[in-house]
Protein backbone atom coordinates (compact mmCIF):
# COMPACT_ATOMS: atom_id res chain seq x y z
CA MET A 1 99.24 73.49 86.14
CA GLY A 2 96.11 72.17 87.69
CA ASP A 3 95.13 73.54 91.30
CA GLN A 4 98.09 75.92 92.00
CA GLU A 5 96.87 78.93 94.43
CA ILE A 6 98.61 81.83 94.12
CA THR A 7 99.27 84.18 97.46
CA SER A 8 100.15 87.85 97.53
CA LEU A 9 103.15 88.95 99.08
CA ILE A 10 102.61 91.97 101.16
CA ILE A 11 105.46 94.38 102.04
CA ASP A 12 105.02 97.47 104.00
CA ASN A 13 108.35 99.70 103.66
CA GLY A 14 107.29 102.46 106.91
CA SER A 15 109.13 105.38 107.57
CA GLY A 16 109.78 103.22 111.24
CA MET A 17 109.12 99.80 110.56
CA CYS A 18 109.32 97.34 107.43
CA LYS A 19 106.73 94.60 107.54
CA ALA A 20 106.05 91.71 105.22
CA GLY A 21 103.65 88.88 105.08
CA PHE A 22 101.14 87.01 102.95
CA GLY A 23 97.70 88.35 101.91
CA GLY A 24 94.65 87.14 103.89
CA GLU A 25 96.84 86.52 106.92
CA GLU A 26 95.94 88.09 110.37
CA ALA A 27 99.51 89.79 111.08
CA PRO A 28 102.84 90.10 109.10
CA ARG A 29 105.44 87.26 109.47
CA ALA A 30 108.56 89.70 109.47
CA VAL A 31 108.67 93.30 111.25
CA PHE A 32 111.81 94.88 111.65
CA PRO A 33 113.29 98.55 111.80
CA SER A 34 113.38 100.52 108.64
CA LEU A 35 117.17 101.23 109.28
CA VAL A 36 120.22 100.95 107.26
CA GLY A 37 123.56 102.05 108.70
CA ARG A 38 127.22 102.23 107.96
CA PRO A 39 130.49 102.10 110.03
CA ARG A 40 131.75 105.43 110.93
CA HIS A 41 135.00 104.35 110.95
CA HIS A 42 136.11 100.98 109.06
CA GLY A 43 138.14 98.23 111.22
CA VAL A 44 141.89 98.32 110.70
CA MET A 45 142.07 94.49 111.34
CA VAL A 46 141.04 92.60 108.47
CA GLY A 47 138.60 89.62 109.55
CA MET A 48 137.07 91.28 112.70
CA GLY A 49 133.48 90.86 111.29
CA GLN A 50 133.00 94.18 110.53
CA LYS A 51 130.15 94.76 107.50
CA ASP A 52 129.81 97.36 104.98
CA THR A 53 126.09 97.91 106.11
CA TYR A 54 123.77 96.89 108.88
CA VAL A 55 120.03 96.62 108.85
CA GLY A 56 117.12 96.45 110.82
CA ASP A 57 117.71 95.23 114.38
CA GLU A 58 121.51 94.64 113.83
CA ALA A 59 121.64 98.53 112.67
CA GLN A 60 119.71 99.57 115.92
CA SER A 61 122.21 97.60 118.01
CA LYS A 62 125.35 99.02 116.58
CA ARG A 63 123.89 102.95 117.46
């Protein structure tokens, strides 16, 4: 096993934003809205690219 360095993964699932990164770093590597959404009406046409759920910035853009 040798000289392997173990780094902690830090996840802050806040009420407004989710942040993720590695312990010891200055800032999170990923920051996105804590938002999950579902379409009100499912598309009638198959293959239109509509998803069951949207997360983060993608969900925010659908509001």
